[in-house]
């Protein structure tokens, strides 16, 4: 995903939180990272982001 820090992407991939609350409590994942994930999900999900 564009705009997401590499550290945050790695941690989200390894931990795979099921809610934004869980994701927010992961050390190294910032509110800005969560905003990027939220926008991607609202636009059509992760599969669309991988195609970019």
PDB file of N, CA and C in Angstrom:
ATOM      1  N   UNK A   1       0.845  -1.178   0.000  1.00  0.00           N
ATOM      2  CA  UNK A   1       0.000   0.000   0.000  1.00  0.00           C
ATOM      3  C   UNK A   1       0.888   1.238   0.000  1.00  0.00           C
ATOM      4  N   UNK A   2       0.601   2.134  -0.891  1.00  0.00           N
ATOM      5  CA  UNK A   2       1.343   3.387  -0.923  1.00  0.00           C
ATOM      6  C   UNK A   2       1.013   4.214   0.309  1.00  0.00           C
ATOM      7  N   UNK A   3       2.039   4.832   0.885  1.00  0.00           N
ATOM      8  CA  UNK A   3       1.833   5.691   2.039  1.00  0.00           C
ATOM      9  C   UNK A   3       1.949   4.999   3.382  1.00  0.00           C
ATOM     10  N   UNK A   4       2.091   3.692   3.360  1.00  0.00           N
ATOM     11  CA  UNK A   4       2.191   2.935   4.604  1.00  0.00           C
ATOM     12  C   UNK A   4       3.663   2.629   4.875  1.00  0.00           C
ATOM     13  N   UNK A   5       4.121   2.937   6.090  1.00  0.00           N
ATOM     14  CA  UNK A   5       5.516   2.669   6.434  1.00  0.00           C
ATOM     15  C   UNK A   5       5.783   1.169   6.370  1.00  0.00           C
ATOM     16  N   UNK A   6       7.017   0.840   5.973  1.00  0.00           N
ATOM     17  CA  UNK A   6       7.395  -0.570   5.843  1.00  0.00           C
ATOM     18  C   UNK A   6       7.255  -1.307   7.170  1.00  0.00           C
ATOM     19  N   UNK A   7       7.670  -0.651   8.272  1.00  0.00           N
ATOM     20  CA  UNK A   7       7.557  -1.275   9.598  1.00  0.00           C
ATOM     21  C   UNK A   7       6.102  -1.603   9.919  1.00  0.00           C
ATOM     22  N   UNK A   8       5.213  -0.658   9.648  1.00  0.00           N
ATOM     23  CA  UNK A   8       3.795  -0.879   9.931  1.00  0.00           C
ATOM     24  C   UNK A   8       3.236  -2.001   9.067  1.00  0.00           C
ATOM     25  N   UNK A   9       3.618  -2.024   7.796  1.00  0.00           N
ATOM     26  CA  UNK A   9       3.119  -3.061   6.899  1.00  0.00           C
ATOM     27  C   UNK A   9       3.567  -4.442   7.374  1.00  0.00           C
ATOM     28  N   UNK A  10       4.837  -4.562   7.761  1.00  0.00           N
ATOM     29  CA  UNK A  10       5.343  -5.851   8.234  1.00  0.00           C
ATOM     30  C   UNK A  10       4.636  -6.309   9.504  1.00  0.00           C
ATOM     31  N   UNK A  11       4.434  -5.377  10.419  1.00  0.00           N
ATOM     32  CA  UNK A  11       3.772  -5.745  11.681  1.00  0.00           C
ATOM     33  C   UNK A  11       2.307  -6.116  11.462  1.00  0.00           C
ATOM     34  N   UNK A  12       1.615  -5.366  10.597  1.00  0.00           N
ATOM     35  CA  UNK A  12       0.211  -5.686  10.322  1.00  0.00           C
ATOM     36  C   UNK A  12       0.087  -7.027   9.610  1.00  0.00           C
ATOM     37  N   UNK A  13       1.028  -7.327   8.718  1.00  0.00           N
ATOM     38  CA  UNK A  13       0.999  -8.614   8.021  1.00  0.00           C
ATOM     39  C   UNK A  13       1.281  -9.772   8.969  1.00  0.00           C
ATOM     40  N   UNK A  14       2.188  -9.574   9.904  1.00  0.00           N
ATOM     41  CA  UNK A  14       2.541 -10.684  10.791  1.00  0.00           C
ATOM     42  C   UNK A  14       1.506 -10.897  11.893  1.00  0.00           C
ATOM     43  N   UNK A  15       0.957  -9.809  12.431  1.00  0.00           N
ATOM     44  CA  UNK A  15       0.010  -9.925  13.539  1.00  0.00           C
ATOM     45  C   UNK A  15      -1.419 -10.124  13.048  1.00  0.00           C
ATOM     46  N   UNK A  16      -1.769  -9.511  11.933  1.00  0.00           N
ATOM     47  CA  UNK A  16      -3.108  -9.604  11.333  1.00  0.00           C
ATOM     48  C   UNK A  16      -4.233  -9.286  12.317  1.00  0.00           C
ATOM     49  N   UNK A  17      -4.275  -8.039  12.791  1.00  0.00           N
ATOM     50  CA  UNK A  17      -5.354  -7.656  13.723  1.00  0.00           C
ATOM     51  C   UNK A  17      -6.706  -7.716  13.020  1.00  0.00           C
ATOM     52  N   UNK A  18      -7.749  -7.999  13.785  1.00  0.00           N
ATOM     53  CA  UNK A  18      -9.080  -8.094  13.186  1.00  0.00           C
ATOM     54  C   UNK A  18      -9.878  -6.797  13.313  1.00  0.00           C
ATOM     55  N   UNK A  19      -9.409  -5.875  14.158  1.00  0.00           N
ATOM     56  CA  UNK A  19     -10.093  -4.591  14.314  1.00  0.00           C
ATOM     57  C   UNK A  19      -9.074  -3.459  14.286  1.00  0.00           C
ATOM     58  N   UNK A  20      -9.563  -2.244  14.065  1.00  0.00           N
ATOM     59  CA  UNK A  20      -8.682  -1.075  14.099  1.00  0.00           C
ATOM     60  C   UNK A  20      -8.177  -0.848  15.520  1.00  0.00           C
ATOM     61  N   UNK A  21      -8.944  -1.189  16.512  1.00  0.00           N
ATOM     62  CA  UNK A  21      -8.517  -1.052  17.895  1.00  0.00           C
ATOM     63  C   UNK A  21      -7.300  -1.914  18.181  1.00  0.00           C
ATOM     64  N   UNK A  22      -7.327  -3.137  17.689  1.00  0.00           N
ATOM     65  CA  UNK A  22      -6.177  -4.020  17.860  1.00  0.00           C
ATOM     66  C   UNK A  22      -4.971  -3.471  17.097  1.00  0.00           C
ATOM     67  N   UNK A  23      -5.205  -3.004  15.894  1.00  0.00           N
ATOM     68  CA  UNK A  23      -4.113  -2.454  15.076  1.00  0.00           C
ATOM     69  C   UNK A  23      -3.502  -1.220  15.736  1.00  0.00           C
ATOM     70  N   UNK A  24      -4.319  -0.416  16.364  1.00  0.00           N
ATOM     71  CA  UNK A  24      -3.836   0.812  16.999  1.00  0.00           C
ATOM     72  C   UNK A  24      -2.926   0.522  18.181  1.00  0.00           C
ATOM     73  N   UNK A  25      -3.060  -0.653  18.776  1.00  0.00           N
ATOM     74  CA  UNK A  25      -2.245  -0.997  19.938  1.00  0.00           C
ATOM     75  C   UNK A  25      -0.926  -1.668  19.572  1.00  0.00           C
ATOM     76  N   UNK A  26      -0.685  -1.878  18.283  1.00  0.00           N
ATOM     77  CA  UNK A  26       0.565  -2.494  17.847  1.00  0.00           C
ATOM     78  C   UNK A  26       1.657  -1.433  17.846  1.00  0.00           C
ATOM     79  N   UNK A  27       2.741  -1.723  18.545  1.00  0.00           N
ATOM     80  CA  UNK A  27       3.855  -0.792  18.596  1.00  0.00           C
ATOM     81  C   UNK A  27       4.461  -0.657  17.196  1.00  0.00           C
ATOM     82  N   UNK A  28       4.629   0.582  16.742  1.00  0.00           N
ATOM     83  CA  UNK A  28       5.182   0.841  15.419  1.00  0.00           C
ATOM     84  C   UNK A  28       4.130   1.182  14.382  1.00  0.00           C
ATOM     85  N   UNK A  29       2.856   1.019  14.725  1.00  0.00           N
ATOM     86  CA  UNK A  29       1.757   1.389  13.821  1.00  0.00           C
ATOM     87  C   UNK A  29       1.192   2.712  14.326  1.00  0.00           C
ATOM     88  N   UNK A  30       1.274   3.732  13.475  1.00  0.00           N
ATOM     89  CA  UNK A  30       0.857   5.067  13.870  1.00  0.00           C
ATOM     90  C   UNK A  30      -0.577   5.355  13.426  1.00  0.00           C
ATOM     91  N   UNK A  31      -1.188   6.411  13.976  1.00  0.00           N
ATOM     92  CA  UNK A  31      -2.512   6.811  13.502  1.00  0.00           C
ATOM     93  C   UNK A  31      -2.512   7.128  11.999  1.00  0.00           C
ATOM     94  N   UNK A  32      -1.411   7.658  11.500  1.00  0.00           N
ATOM     95  CA  UNK A  32      -1.323   7.937  10.057  1.00  0.00           C
ATOM     96  C   UNK A  32      -1.366   6.639   9.254  1.00  0.00           C
ATOM     97  N   UNK A  33      -0.715   5.602   9.742  1.00  0.00           N
ATOM     98  CA  UNK A  33      -0.759   4.298   9.077  1.00  0.00           C
ATOM     99  C   UNK A  33      -2.185   3.753   9.046  1.00  0.00           C
ATOM    100  N   UNK A  34      -2.886   3.904  10.157  1.00  0.00           N
ATOM    101  CA  UNK A  34      -4.271   3.430  10.223  1.00  0.00           C
ATOM    102  C   UNK A  34      -5.172   4.219   9.281  1.00  0.00           C
ATOM    103  N   UNK A  35      -4.884   5.504   9.117  1.00  0.00           N
ATOM    104  CA  UNK A  35      -5.660   6.320   8.186  1.00  0.00           C
ATOM    105  C   UNK A  35      -5.465   5.828   6.757  1.00  0.00           C
ATOM    106  N   UNK A  36      -4.242   5.462   6.406  1.00  0.00           N
ATOM    107  CA  UNK A  36      -3.966   4.935   5.061  1.00  0.00           C
ATOM    108  C   UNK A  36      -4.737   3.635   4.844  1.00  0.00           C
ATOM    109  N   UNK A  37      -4.693   2.750   5.822  1.00  0.00           N
ATOM    110  CA  UNK A  37      -5.419   1.479   5.714  1.00  0.00           C
ATOM    111  C   UNK A  37      -6.917   1.738   5.573  1.00  0.00           C
ATOM    112  N   UNK A  38      -7.441   2.672   6.339  1.00  0.00           N
ATOM    113  CA  UNK A  38      -8.868   2.991   6.282  1.00  0.00           C
ATOM    114  C   UNK A  38      -9.278   3.487   4.902  1.00  0.00           C
ATOM    115  N   UNK A  39      -8.480   4.362   4.334  1.00  0.00           N
ATOM    116  CA  UNK A  39      -8.795   4.901   3.001  1.00  0.00           C
ATOM    117  C   UNK A  39      -8.767   3.793   1.956  1.00  0.00           C
ATOM    118  N   UNK A  40      -7.776   2.919   2.035  1.00  0.00           N
ATOM    119  CA  UNK A  40      -7.674   1.817   1.077  1.00  0.00           C
ATOM    120  C   UNK A  40      -8.889   0.907   1.183  1.00  0.00           C
ATOM    121  N   UNK A  41      -9.287   0.588   2.395  1.00  0.00           N
ATOM    122  CA  UNK A  41     -10.444  -0.289   2.574  1.00  0.00           C
ATOM    123  C   UNK A  41     -11.730   0.361   2.061  1.00  0.00           C
ATOM    124  N   UNK A  42     -11.882   1.659   2.275  1.00  0.00           N
ATOM    125  CA  UNK A  42     -13.080   2.361   1.796  1.00  0.00           C
ATOM    126  C   UNK A  42     -13.115   2.437   0.276  1.00  0.00           C
ATOM    127  N   UNK A  43     -11.935   2.479  -0.355  1.00  0.00           N
ATOM    128  CA  UNK A  43     -11.871   2.583  -1.816  1.00  0.00           C
ATOM    129  C   UNK A  43     -12.050   1.252  -2.520  1.00  0.00           C
ATOM    130  N   UNK A  44     -12.007   0.165  -1.811  1.00  0.00           N
ATOM    131  CA  UNK A  44     -12.210  -1.096  -2.484  1.00  0.00           C
ATOM    132  C   UNK A  44     -11.421  -2.254  -1.934  1.00  0.00           C
ATOM    133  N   UNK A  45     -10.679  -2.019  -0.904  1.00  0.00           N
ATOM    134  CA  UNK A  45     -10.011  -3.123  -0.241  1.00  0.00           C
ATOM    135  C   UNK A  45      -8.564  -3.319  -0.620  1.00  0.00           C
ATOM    136  N   UNK A  46      -7.985  -4.322  -0.005  1.00  0.00           N
ATOM    137  CA  UNK A  46      -6.561  -4.596  -0.132  1.00  0.00           C
ATOM    138  C   UNK A  46      -6.233  -5.153  -1.504  1.00  0.00           C
ATOM    139  N   UNK A  47      -7.082  -5.951  -2.085  1.00  0.00           N
ATOM    140  CA  UNK A  47      -6.796  -6.530  -3.392  1.00  0.00           C
ATOM    141  C   UNK A  47      -6.579  -5.452  -4.443  1.00  0.00           C
ATOM    142  N   UNK A  48      -7.368  -4.383  -4.370  1.00  0.00           N
ATOM    143  CA  UNK A  48      -7.208  -3.275  -5.305  1.00  0.00           C
ATOM    144  C   UNK A  48      -5.881  -2.558  -5.058  1.00  0.00           C
ATOM    145  N   UNK A  49      -5.485  -2.427  -3.809  1.00  0.00           N
ATOM    146  CA  UNK A  49      -4.226  -1.752  -3.465  1.00  0.00           C
ATOM    147  C   UNK A  49      -3.031  -2.563  -3.974  1.00  0.00           C
ATOM    148  N   UNK A  50      -3.121  -3.883  -3.960  1.00  0.00           N
ATOM    149  CA  UNK A  50      -2.025  -4.716  -4.455  1.00  0.00           C
ATOM    150  C   UNK A  50      -1.845  -4.553  -5.956  1.00  0.00           C
ATOM    151  N   UNK A  51      -2.929  -4.262  -6.672  1.00  0.00           N
ATOM    152  CA  UNK A  51      -2.866  -4.118  -8.123  1.00  0.00           C
ATOM    153  C   UNK A  51      -2.142  -2.844  -8.540  1.00  0.00           C
ATOM    154  N   UNK A  52      -2.069  -1.859  -7.648  1.00  0.00           N
ATOM    155  CA  UNK A  52      -1.439  -0.579  -8.004  1.00  0.00           C
ATOM    156  C   UNK A  52       0.042  -0.676  -8.108  1.00  0.00           C
TER     157      UNK A  52
END
